[in-house]
Amino acid sequence: MSEFRLETERLVLRAWRDADRDPFFVLNSDPAVMEYLPAIDRATSDNAVDRMNAAQAEHGHCFWAVERKADGAFLGFCGPMPARDPLHEVELGWRLSRDAWGAGYASEGARASLAWCWANLDTPTVMAITVPANRRSRAVMERIGMTYVEGADFDHPGVPKDDPLVRHVLYRSARPA
């Protein structure tokens, strides 16, 4: 079985490799990258890679590793995670290293991931979530055609209730007609 690979003009979205663990932990250790996410240690970072590998093996998709075509640099992740708590819908997500910000990589990877969903998954919708203050991610959601779902803000069950990051907003895209 060949490794999953989805190419865009400037990116390769692919299955995770063991060599991604160190740069992924570096990314997860950057306070700017994690500004709107709970802090994680090395074990949690490695467990996330294991969860991605398991989701890819079981469902054929996950938050895929992202590398830049020009130099093969690991940039982070982007892709569709299988439906899970709290919303039970396919979730489009991304996290990129700070040096990759502002180049349009998140939008490019997210558009390709969303197109992949419509071509390969039998799902009526794809959603994305973030905290209300995360304007950069919300802008990506809007650029790729996702719509904010009024009245659907929620407290994420995986975040402690007293954490300022507990509240999340929901964006959704419906399958094109």
N, C-alpha and C. Protein backbone atom coordinates (compact mmCIF):
# COMPACT_ATOMS: atom_id res chain seq x y z
N MET A 1 0.85 -1.18 0.00
CA MET A 1 0.00 0.00 0.00
C MET A 1 0.89 1.24 0.00
N SER A 2 0.62 2.17 -0.90
CA SER A 2 1.44 3.36 -0.99
C SER A 2 1.01 4.39 0.06
N GLU A 3 1.95 5.26 0.39
CA GLU A 3 1.70 6.31 1.36
C GLU A 3 0.73 7.33 0.78
N PHE A 4 -0.21 7.83 1.60
CA PHE A 4 -1.13 8.87 1.15
C PHE A 4 -0.34 10.11 0.76
N ARG A 5 -0.76 10.75 -0.32
CA ARG A 5 -0.12 11.97 -0.79
C ARG A 5 -1.13 12.79 -1.59
N LEU A 6 -1.30 14.05 -1.20
CA LEU A 6 -2.16 15.00 -1.89
C LEU A 6 -1.30 16.23 -2.17
N GLU A 7 -1.20 16.60 -3.43
CA GLU A 7 -0.34 17.72 -3.79
C GLU A 7 -1.16 18.93 -4.20
N THR A 8 -0.67 20.11 -3.83
CA THR A 8 -1.20 21.38 -4.30
C THR A 8 -0.06 22.04 -5.08
N GLU A 9 -0.27 23.26 -5.47
CA GLU A 9 0.78 23.96 -6.21
C GLU A 9 2.09 24.02 -5.43
N ARG A 10 2.00 24.29 -4.12
CA ARG A 10 3.22 24.50 -3.32
C ARG A 10 3.40 23.54 -2.17
N LEU A 11 2.42 22.66 -1.93
CA LEU A 11 2.45 21.81 -0.74
C LEU A 11 2.27 20.34 -1.08
N VAL A 12 2.74 19.50 -0.16
CA VAL A 12 2.42 18.08 -0.17
C VAL A 12 1.77 17.79 1.18
N LEU A 13 0.54 17.27 1.12
CA LEU A 13 -0.15 16.79 2.31
C LEU A 13 -0.01 15.28 2.27
N ARG A 14 0.49 14.68 3.34
CA ARG A 14 0.85 13.26 3.28
C ARG A 14 0.66 12.60 4.64
N ALA A 15 0.79 11.27 4.61
CA ALA A 15 0.75 10.50 5.86
C ALA A 15 1.93 10.90 6.74
N TRP A 16 1.75 10.71 8.03
CA TRP A 16 2.79 11.05 9.01
C TRP A 16 3.91 10.02 8.98
N ARG A 17 5.11 10.48 9.27
CA ARG A 17 6.30 9.63 9.38
C ARG A 17 6.93 9.84 10.75
N ASP A 18 7.71 8.87 11.20
CA ASP A 18 8.39 9.03 12.49
C ASP A 18 9.30 10.26 12.49
N ALA A 19 9.86 10.60 11.35
CA ALA A 19 10.75 11.77 11.25
C ALA A 19 10.01 13.08 11.50
N ASP A 20 8.67 13.05 11.46
CA ASP A 20 7.89 14.27 11.70
C ASP A 20 7.74 14.58 13.18
N ARG A 21 8.04 13.60 14.05
CA ARG A 21 7.79 13.80 15.48
C ARG A 21 8.57 14.97 16.07
N ASP A 22 9.85 15.07 15.76
CA ASP A 22 10.66 16.17 16.32
C ASP A 22 10.19 17.54 15.83
N PRO A 23 10.05 17.75 14.52
CA PRO A 23 9.59 19.08 14.09
C PRO A 23 8.16 19.39 14.55
N PHE A 24 7.32 18.36 14.70
CA PHE A 24 5.97 18.60 15.19
C PHE A 24 6.01 19.05 16.65
N PHE A 25 6.88 18.46 17.45
CA PHE A 25 6.99 18.89 18.84
C PHE A 25 7.54 20.32 18.91
N VAL A 26 8.49 20.66 18.05
CA VAL A 26 9.00 22.04 18.01
C VAL A 26 7.86 23.00 17.70
N LEU A 27 7.05 22.66 16.70
CA LEU A 27 5.89 23.48 16.34
C LEU A 27 4.96 23.61 17.55
N ASN A 28 4.68 22.51 18.23
CA ASN A 28 3.78 22.51 19.38
C ASN A 28 4.37 23.20 20.61
N SER A 29 5.65 23.51 20.58
CA SER A 29 6.32 24.20 21.68
C SER A 29 6.38 25.70 21.46
N ASP A 30 5.96 26.17 20.30
CA ASP A 30 6.01 27.59 19.97
C ASP A 30 4.80 28.30 20.59
N PRO A 31 5.02 29.21 21.52
CA PRO A 31 3.88 29.89 22.17
C PRO A 31 2.98 30.63 21.19
N ALA A 32 3.51 31.17 20.11
CA ALA A 32 2.67 31.87 19.13
C ALA A 32 1.76 30.89 18.41
N VAL A 33 2.28 29.73 18.03
CA VAL A 33 1.48 28.71 17.36
C VAL A 33 0.38 28.21 18.29
N MET A 34 0.70 28.06 19.55
CA MET A 34 -0.23 27.48 20.52
C MET A 34 -1.05 28.52 21.28
N GLU A 35 -1.03 29.76 20.81
CA GLU A 35 -1.74 30.84 21.51
C GLU A 35 -3.21 30.49 21.79
N TYR A 36 -3.87 29.83 20.86
CA TYR A 36 -5.29 29.52 21.00
C TYR A 36 -5.54 28.03 21.22
N LEU A 37 -4.50 27.31 21.62
CA LEU A 37 -4.60 25.87 21.87
C LEU A 37 -3.99 25.56 23.22
N PRO A 38 -4.46 24.51 23.88
CA PRO A 38 -3.85 24.12 25.15
C PRO A 38 -2.40 23.68 24.95
N ALA A 39 -1.52 24.05 25.87
CA ALA A 39 -0.12 23.65 25.81
C ALA A 39 -0.02 22.12 25.88
N ILE A 40 0.95 21.55 25.15
CA ILE A 40 1.14 20.11 25.19
C ILE A 40 2.61 19.77 25.37
N ASP A 41 2.85 18.64 26.03
CA ASP A 41 4.22 18.17 26.24
C ASP A 41 4.61 17.19 25.13
N ARG A 42 5.83 16.67 25.21
CA ARG A 42 6.33 15.78 24.16
C ARG A 42 5.47 14.52 24.01
N ALA A 43 5.09 13.92 25.11
CA ALA A 43 4.28 12.69 25.03
C ALA A 43 2.95 12.97 24.35
N THR A 44 2.32 14.08 24.68
CA THR A 44 1.04 14.43 24.06
C THR A 44 1.21 14.71 22.57
N SER A 45 2.32 15.37 22.22
CA SER A 45 2.61 15.63 20.81
C SER A 45 2.80 14.33 20.04
N ASP A 46 3.58 13.41 20.61
CA ASP A 46 3.79 12.11 19.97
C ASP A 46 2.50 11.30 19.89
N ASN A 47 1.67 11.39 20.94
CA ASN A 47 0.38 10.69 20.92
C ASN A 47 -0.52 11.23 19.81
N ALA A 48 -0.42 12.54 19.53
CA ALA A 48 -1.21 13.12 18.44
C ALA A 48 -0.79 12.50 17.10
N VAL A 49 0.51 12.32 16.90
CA VAL A 49 0.99 11.67 15.67
C VAL A 49 0.45 10.25 15.59
N ASP A 50 0.47 9.54 16.71
CA ASP A 50 -0.08 8.17 16.74
C ASP A 50 -1.56 8.17 16.38
N ARG A 51 -2.33 9.15 16.90
CA ARG A 51 -3.76 9.25 16.58
C ARG A 51 -3.96 9.52 15.09
N MET A 52 -3.10 10.36 14.52
CA MET A 52 -3.21 10.64 13.08
C MET A 52 -2.95 9.38 12.27
N ASN A 53 -1.91 8.66 12.64
CA ASN A 53 -1.60 7.41 11.93
C ASN A 53 -2.74 6.40 12.05
N ALA A 54 -3.34 6.32 13.23
CA ALA A 54 -4.46 5.39 13.43
C ALA A 54 -5.67 5.81 12.60
N ALA A 55 -5.97 7.11 12.59
CA ALA A 55 -7.10 7.60 11.79
C ALA A 55 -6.86 7.36 10.31
N GLN A 56 -5.64 7.60 9.85
CA GLN A 56 -5.32 7.37 8.44
C GLN A 56 -5.49 5.89 8.08
N ALA A 57 -5.01 5.01 8.96
CA ALA A 57 -5.11 3.57 8.71
C ALA A 57 -6.56 3.10 8.70
N GLU A 58 -7.36 3.62 9.62
CA GLU A 58 -8.74 3.16 9.74
C GLU A 58 -9.70 3.84 8.76
N HIS A 59 -9.51 5.14 8.51
CA HIS A 59 -10.49 5.91 7.74
C HIS A 59 -9.96 6.44 6.40
N GLY A 60 -8.64 6.42 6.23
CA GLY A 60 -8.06 6.93 4.99
C GLY A 60 -7.84 8.43 4.99
N HIS A 61 -8.01 9.07 6.15
CA HIS A 61 -7.75 10.51 6.24
C HIS A 61 -7.53 10.92 7.68
N CYS A 62 -6.86 12.06 7.83
CA CYS A 62 -6.53 12.60 9.15
C CYS A 62 -6.06 14.04 8.94
N PHE A 63 -5.60 14.66 9.99
CA PHE A 63 -4.89 15.93 9.84
C PHE A 63 -3.52 15.54 9.29
N TRP A 64 -3.34 15.60 7.96
CA TRP A 64 -2.13 15.12 7.32
C TRP A 64 -0.93 16.03 7.59
N ALA A 65 0.25 15.43 7.58
CA ALA A 65 1.48 16.21 7.66
C ALA A 65 1.59 17.05 6.40
N VAL A 66 2.12 18.26 6.55
CA VAL A 66 2.27 19.19 5.42
C VAL A 66 3.74 19.51 5.25
N GLU A 67 4.21 19.39 4.03
CA GLU A 67 5.56 19.83 3.72
C GLU A 67 5.53 20.77 2.51
N ARG A 68 6.49 21.65 2.48
CA ARG A 68 6.61 22.59 1.37
C ARG A 68 7.33 21.89 0.23
N LYS A 69 6.77 21.95 -0.98
CA LYS A 69 7.37 21.29 -2.14
C LYS A 69 8.77 21.82 -2.45
N ALA A 70 8.95 23.11 -2.33
CA ALA A 70 10.20 23.74 -2.76
C ALA A 70 11.42 23.19 -2.04
N ASP A 71 11.27 22.87 -0.74
CA ASP A 71 12.44 22.42 0.02
C ASP A 71 12.18 21.21 0.91
N GLY A 72 10.96 20.67 0.88
CA GLY A 72 10.64 19.50 1.70
C GLY A 72 10.49 19.79 3.17
N ALA A 73 10.46 21.07 3.56
CA ALA A 73 10.37 21.43 4.98
C ALA A 73 9.02 21.03 5.55
N PHE A 74 9.04 20.46 6.75
CA PHE A 74 7.82 20.13 7.49
C PHE A 74 7.21 21.45 7.97
N LEU A 75 5.94 21.69 7.63
CA LEU A 75 5.28 22.94 8.02
C LEU A 75 4.23 22.76 9.10
N GLY A 76 3.73 21.52 9.27
CA GLY A 76 2.68 21.30 10.26
C GLY A 76 1.68 20.29 9.76
N PHE A 77 0.38 20.57 9.97
CA PHE A 77 -0.64 19.65 9.48
C PHE A 77 -1.82 20.39 8.89
N CYS A 78 -2.56 19.67 8.07
CA CYS A 78 -3.80 20.16 7.48
C CYS A 78 -4.55 18.95 6.94
N GLY A 79 -5.86 18.93 7.11
CA GLY A 79 -6.63 17.83 6.55
C GLY A 79 -7.93 17.61 7.29
N PRO A 80 -8.65 16.57 6.88
CA PRO A 80 -9.93 16.24 7.50
C PRO A 80 -9.81 15.08 8.49
N MET A 81 -10.16 15.35 9.72
CA MET A 81 -10.20 14.30 10.74
C MET A 81 -11.55 13.62 10.68
N PRO A 82 -11.58 12.29 10.86
CA PRO A 82 -12.87 11.59 10.90
C PRO A 82 -13.77 12.16 12.00
N ALA A 83 -15.06 11.99 11.83
CA ALA A 83 -16.04 12.47 12.80
C ALA A 83 -15.71 11.93 14.19
N ARG A 84 -15.81 12.82 15.19
CA ARG A 84 -15.51 12.47 16.58
C ARG A 84 -16.18 13.50 17.48
N ASP A 85 -16.08 13.31 18.79
CA ASP A 85 -16.63 14.27 19.74
C ASP A 85 -15.94 15.61 19.56
N PRO A 86 -16.60 16.72 19.75
CA PRO A 86 -17.94 16.83 20.29
C PRO A 86 -19.04 16.93 19.23
N LEU A 87 -18.71 17.09 17.96
CA LEU A 87 -19.75 17.40 16.97
C LEU A 87 -20.10 16.26 16.02
N HIS A 88 -19.32 15.23 15.99
CA HIS A 88 -19.61 14.05 15.17
C HIS A 88 -19.76 14.37 13.68
N GLU A 89 -18.92 15.27 13.19
CA GLU A 89 -18.82 15.60 11.77
C GLU A 89 -17.35 15.53 11.38
N VAL A 90 -17.09 15.37 10.11
CA VAL A 90 -15.71 15.46 9.63
C VAL A 90 -15.22 16.87 9.96
N GLU A 91 -14.03 16.94 10.57
CA GLU A 91 -13.48 18.23 10.98
C GLU A 91 -12.26 18.58 10.15
N LEU A 92 -12.29 19.72 9.51
CA LEU A 92 -11.15 20.23 8.78
C LEU A 92 -10.30 21.03 9.75
N GLY A 93 -9.00 20.74 9.79
CA GLY A 93 -8.13 21.45 10.71
C GLY A 93 -6.75 21.68 10.14
N TRP A 94 -6.02 22.61 10.74
CA TRP A 94 -4.66 22.94 10.31
C TRP A 94 -3.91 23.54 11.48
N ARG A 95 -2.61 23.37 11.46
CA ARG A 95 -1.69 24.01 12.41
C ARG A 95 -0.35 24.08 11.68
N LEU A 96 0.13 25.29 11.47
CA LEU A 96 1.37 25.47 10.72
C LEU A 96 2.39 26.23 11.55
N SER A 97 3.64 25.98 11.27
CA SER A 97 4.72 26.67 11.97
C SER A 97 4.65 28.16 11.67
N ARG A 98 5.12 28.95 12.60
CA ARG A 98 5.03 30.40 12.48
C ARG A 98 5.73 30.91 11.22
N ASP A 99 6.84 30.29 10.84
CA ASP A 99 7.54 30.76 9.65
C ASP A 99 6.77 30.47 8.36
N ALA A 100 5.68 29.71 8.43
CA ALA A 100 4.84 29.43 7.27
C ALA A 100 3.61 30.35 7.22
N TRP A 101 3.41 31.17 8.24
CA TRP A 101 2.25 32.05 8.29
C TRP A 101 2.36 33.15 7.24
N GLY A 102 1.22 33.60 6.77
CA GLY A 102 1.17 34.75 5.88
C GLY A 102 1.49 34.45 4.43
N ALA A 103 1.72 33.19 4.10
CA ALA A 103 2.07 32.81 2.72
C ALA A 103 0.89 32.16 1.99
N GLY A 104 -0.24 32.02 2.66
CA GLY A 104 -1.40 31.40 2.05
C GLY A 104 -1.39 29.88 2.09
N TYR A 105 -0.45 29.30 2.82
CA TYR A 105 -0.36 27.84 2.88
C TYR A 105 -1.57 27.21 3.55
N ALA A 106 -2.07 27.82 4.63
CA ALA A 106 -3.22 27.24 5.33
C ALA A 106 -4.43 27.20 4.40
N SER A 107 -4.69 28.29 3.70
CA SER A 107 -5.83 28.32 2.77
C SER A 107 -5.63 27.33 1.64
N GLU A 108 -4.43 27.25 1.11
CA GLU A 108 -4.14 26.33 0.01
C GLU A 108 -4.35 24.87 0.43
N GLY A 109 -3.82 24.52 1.59
CA GLY A 109 -3.99 23.15 2.09
C GLY A 109 -5.42 22.85 2.47
N ALA A 110 -6.10 23.83 3.07
CA ALA A 110 -7.49 23.63 3.49
C ALA A 110 -8.42 23.48 2.28
N ARG A 111 -8.20 24.28 1.23
CA ARG A 111 -9.02 24.14 0.01
C ARG A 111 -8.84 22.76 -0.60
N ALA A 112 -7.59 22.31 -0.69
CA ALA A 112 -7.32 20.99 -1.26
C ALA A 112 -7.94 19.90 -0.40
N SER A 113 -7.87 20.05 0.91
CA SER A 113 -8.46 19.06 1.82
C SER A 113 -9.96 19.01 1.69
N LEU A 114 -10.59 20.17 1.59
CA LEU A 114 -12.03 20.23 1.43
C LEU A 114 -12.44 19.59 0.10
N ALA A 115 -11.72 19.89 -0.97
CA ALA A 115 -12.01 19.27 -2.27
C ALA A 115 -11.84 17.76 -2.18
N TRP A 116 -10.81 17.31 -1.45
CA TRP A 116 -10.60 15.87 -1.27
C TRP A 116 -11.81 15.25 -0.56
N CYS A 117 -12.33 15.94 0.47
CA CYS A 117 -13.50 15.43 1.20
C CYS A 117 -14.67 15.21 0.26
N TRP A 118 -14.98 16.21 -0.56
CA TRP A 118 -16.13 16.10 -1.46
C TRP A 118 -15.92 14.98 -2.48
N ALA A 119 -14.70 14.77 -2.90
CA ALA A 119 -14.42 13.73 -3.91
C ALA A 119 -14.36 12.33 -3.31
N ASN A 120 -14.05 12.22 -2.00
CA ASN A 120 -13.75 10.90 -1.44
C ASN A 120 -14.61 10.47 -0.26
N LEU A 121 -15.34 11.36 0.35
CA LEU A 121 -16.14 11.02 1.52
C LEU A 121 -17.61 11.24 1.25
N ASP A 122 -18.42 10.38 1.83
CA ASP A 122 -19.86 10.52 1.73
C ASP A 122 -20.35 11.27 2.96
N THR A 123 -20.08 12.56 2.99
CA THR A 123 -20.49 13.38 4.11
C THR A 123 -21.21 14.62 3.58
N PRO A 124 -22.32 14.99 4.20
CA PRO A 124 -23.05 16.16 3.70
C PRO A 124 -22.39 17.49 4.06
N THR A 125 -21.60 17.48 5.14
CA THR A 125 -20.96 18.71 5.61
C THR A 125 -19.56 18.41 6.12
N VAL A 126 -18.76 19.45 6.17
CA VAL A 126 -17.45 19.42 6.83
C VAL A 126 -17.42 20.66 7.72
N MET A 127 -16.90 20.51 8.93
CA MET A 127 -16.88 21.64 9.86
C MET A 127 -15.46 21.94 10.29
N ALA A 128 -15.29 23.12 10.87
CA ALA A 128 -14.04 23.53 11.48
C ALA A 128 -14.38 24.32 12.73
N ILE A 129 -13.51 24.23 13.73
CA ILE A 129 -13.75 24.93 14.99
C ILE A 129 -12.49 25.66 15.42
N THR A 130 -12.69 26.69 16.21
CA THR A 130 -11.59 27.40 16.86
C THR A 130 -12.18 28.24 17.98
N VAL A 131 -11.32 28.92 18.70
CA VAL A 131 -11.79 29.84 19.74
C VAL A 131 -12.19 31.14 19.06
N PRO A 132 -13.13 31.89 19.64
CA PRO A 132 -13.61 33.11 19.00
C PRO A 132 -12.50 34.11 18.64
N ALA A 133 -11.47 34.20 19.45
CA ALA A 133 -10.42 35.20 19.22
C ALA A 133 -9.43 34.84 18.12
N ASN A 134 -9.47 33.62 17.62
CA ASN A 134 -8.49 33.19 16.62
C ASN A 134 -8.90 33.70 15.23
N ARG A 135 -8.63 34.97 14.99
CA ARG A 135 -9.02 35.61 13.73
C ARG A 135 -8.30 35.00 12.53
N ARG A 136 -7.05 34.57 12.68
CA ARG A 136 -6.32 33.99 11.54
C ARG A 136 -7.01 32.72 11.04
N SER A 137 -7.36 31.82 11.95
CA SER A 137 -8.03 30.58 11.52
C SER A 137 -9.43 30.87 11.01
N ARG A 138 -10.12 31.78 11.64
CA ARG A 138 -11.46 32.13 11.17
C ARG A 138 -11.39 32.72 9.76
N ALA A 139 -10.36 33.50 9.48
CA ALA A 139 -10.20 34.08 8.14
C ALA A 139 -9.95 32.98 7.11
N VAL A 140 -9.18 31.96 7.47
CA VAL A 140 -8.97 30.83 6.56
C VAL A 140 -10.30 30.15 6.29
N MET A 141 -11.07 29.90 7.34
CA MET A 141 -12.38 29.25 7.18
C MET A 141 -13.24 30.04 6.19
N GLU A 142 -13.25 31.34 6.34
CA GLU A 142 -14.07 32.18 5.46
C GLU A 142 -13.50 32.20 4.04
N ARG A 143 -12.17 32.26 3.90
CA ARG A 143 -11.56 32.27 2.56
C ARG A 143 -11.88 31.01 1.76
N ILE A 144 -12.02 29.88 2.45
CA ILE A 144 -12.28 28.64 1.71
C ILE A 144 -13.78 28.37 1.57
N GLY A 145 -14.60 29.33 1.98
CA GLY A 145 -16.03 29.22 1.76
C GLY A 145 -16.84 28.63 2.89
N MET A 146 -16.22 28.43 4.05
CA MET A 146 -16.98 27.95 5.20
C MET A 146 -17.77 29.12 5.79
N THR A 147 -18.87 28.79 6.44
CA THR A 147 -19.76 29.80 7.01
C THR A 147 -19.86 29.62 8.51
N TYR A 148 -19.77 30.75 9.23
CA TYR A 148 -19.97 30.73 10.67
C TYR A 148 -21.40 30.32 10.96
N VAL A 149 -21.58 29.39 11.89
CA VAL A 149 -22.92 28.91 12.24
C VAL A 149 -23.39 29.70 13.46
N GLU A 150 -24.28 30.65 13.21
CA GLU A 150 -24.85 31.49 14.28
C GLU A 150 -25.52 30.61 15.34
N GLY A 151 -25.26 30.92 16.59
CA GLY A 151 -25.91 30.22 17.69
C GLY A 151 -25.34 28.85 18.01
N ALA A 152 -24.25 28.47 17.34
CA ALA A 152 -23.68 27.14 17.56
C ALA A 152 -22.39 27.16 18.37
N ASP A 153 -22.03 28.31 18.94
CA ASP A 153 -20.86 28.36 19.80
C ASP A 153 -21.04 27.35 20.94
N PHE A 154 -19.95 26.76 21.38
CA PHE A 154 -20.06 25.73 22.41
C PHE A 154 -18.80 25.69 23.27
N ASP A 155 -18.93 25.09 24.44
CA ASP A 155 -17.79 24.84 25.31
C ASP A 155 -17.21 23.48 24.92
N HIS A 156 -15.95 23.48 24.53
CA HIS A 156 -15.30 22.24 24.08
C HIS A 156 -15.13 21.31 25.28
N PRO A 157 -15.63 20.08 25.18
CA PRO A 157 -15.54 19.15 26.32
C PRO A 157 -14.12 18.70 26.64
N GLY A 158 -13.18 18.90 25.72
CA GLY A 158 -11.80 18.51 25.97
C GLY A 158 -10.97 19.59 26.63
N VAL A 159 -11.60 20.73 26.93
CA VAL A 159 -10.91 21.86 27.55
C VAL A 159 -11.55 22.11 28.91
N PRO A 160 -10.76 22.29 29.98
CA PRO A 160 -11.35 22.54 31.30
C PRO A 160 -12.30 23.74 31.27
N LYS A 161 -13.38 23.62 32.01
CA LYS A 161 -14.44 24.64 32.00
C LYS A 161 -13.95 26.03 32.41
N ASP A 162 -12.90 26.09 33.25
CA ASP A 162 -12.40 27.39 33.70
C ASP A 162 -11.28 27.93 32.82
N ASP A 163 -10.95 27.22 31.74
CA ASP A 163 -9.89 27.65 30.82
C ASP A 163 -10.45 28.71 29.87
N PRO A 164 -9.71 29.79 29.62
CA PRO A 164 -10.21 30.81 28.69
C PRO A 164 -10.37 30.30 27.25
N LEU A 165 -9.83 29.13 26.94
CA LEU A 165 -9.95 28.56 25.60
C LEU A 165 -11.11 27.58 25.46
N VAL A 166 -11.98 27.49 26.45
CA VAL A 166 -13.05 26.50 26.42
C VAL A 166 -14.11 26.82 25.35
N ARG A 167 -14.40 28.09 25.14
CA ARG A 167 -15.47 28.47 24.19
C ARG A 167 -14.95 28.33 22.76
N HIS A 168 -15.76 27.73 21.90
CA HIS A 168 -15.40 27.53 20.49
C HIS A 168 -16.52 28.01 19.57
N VAL A 169 -16.12 28.41 18.39
CA VAL A 169 -17.07 28.77 17.34
C VAL A 169 -17.04 27.67 16.28
N LEU A 170 -18.14 27.54 15.57
CA LEU A 170 -18.30 26.50 14.57
C LEU A 170 -18.50 27.13 13.19
N TYR A 171 -17.72 26.62 12.24
CA TYR A 171 -17.89 26.97 10.82
C TYR A 171 -18.22 25.68 10.09
N ARG A 172 -18.98 25.81 9.02
CA ARG A 172 -19.40 24.61 8.30
C ARG A 172 -19.45 24.89 6.79
N SER A 173 -19.18 23.86 6.03
CA SER A 173 -19.33 23.90 4.58
C SER A 173 -20.20 22.72 4.17
N ALA A 174 -21.19 22.98 3.32
CA ALA A 174 -22.06 21.93 2.83
C ALA A 174 -21.55 21.42 1.49
N ARG A 175 -21.81 20.17 1.26
CA ARG A 175 -21.40 19.56 -0.02
C ARG A 175 -21.95 20.39 -1.18
N PRO A 176 -21.11 20.71 -2.13
CA PRO A 176 -21.59 21.48 -3.30
C PRO A 176 -22.66 20.70 -4.05
N ALA A 177 -23.63 21.43 -4.57
CA ALA A 177 -24.74 20.80 -5.32
C ALA A 177 -24.26 20.28 -6.67
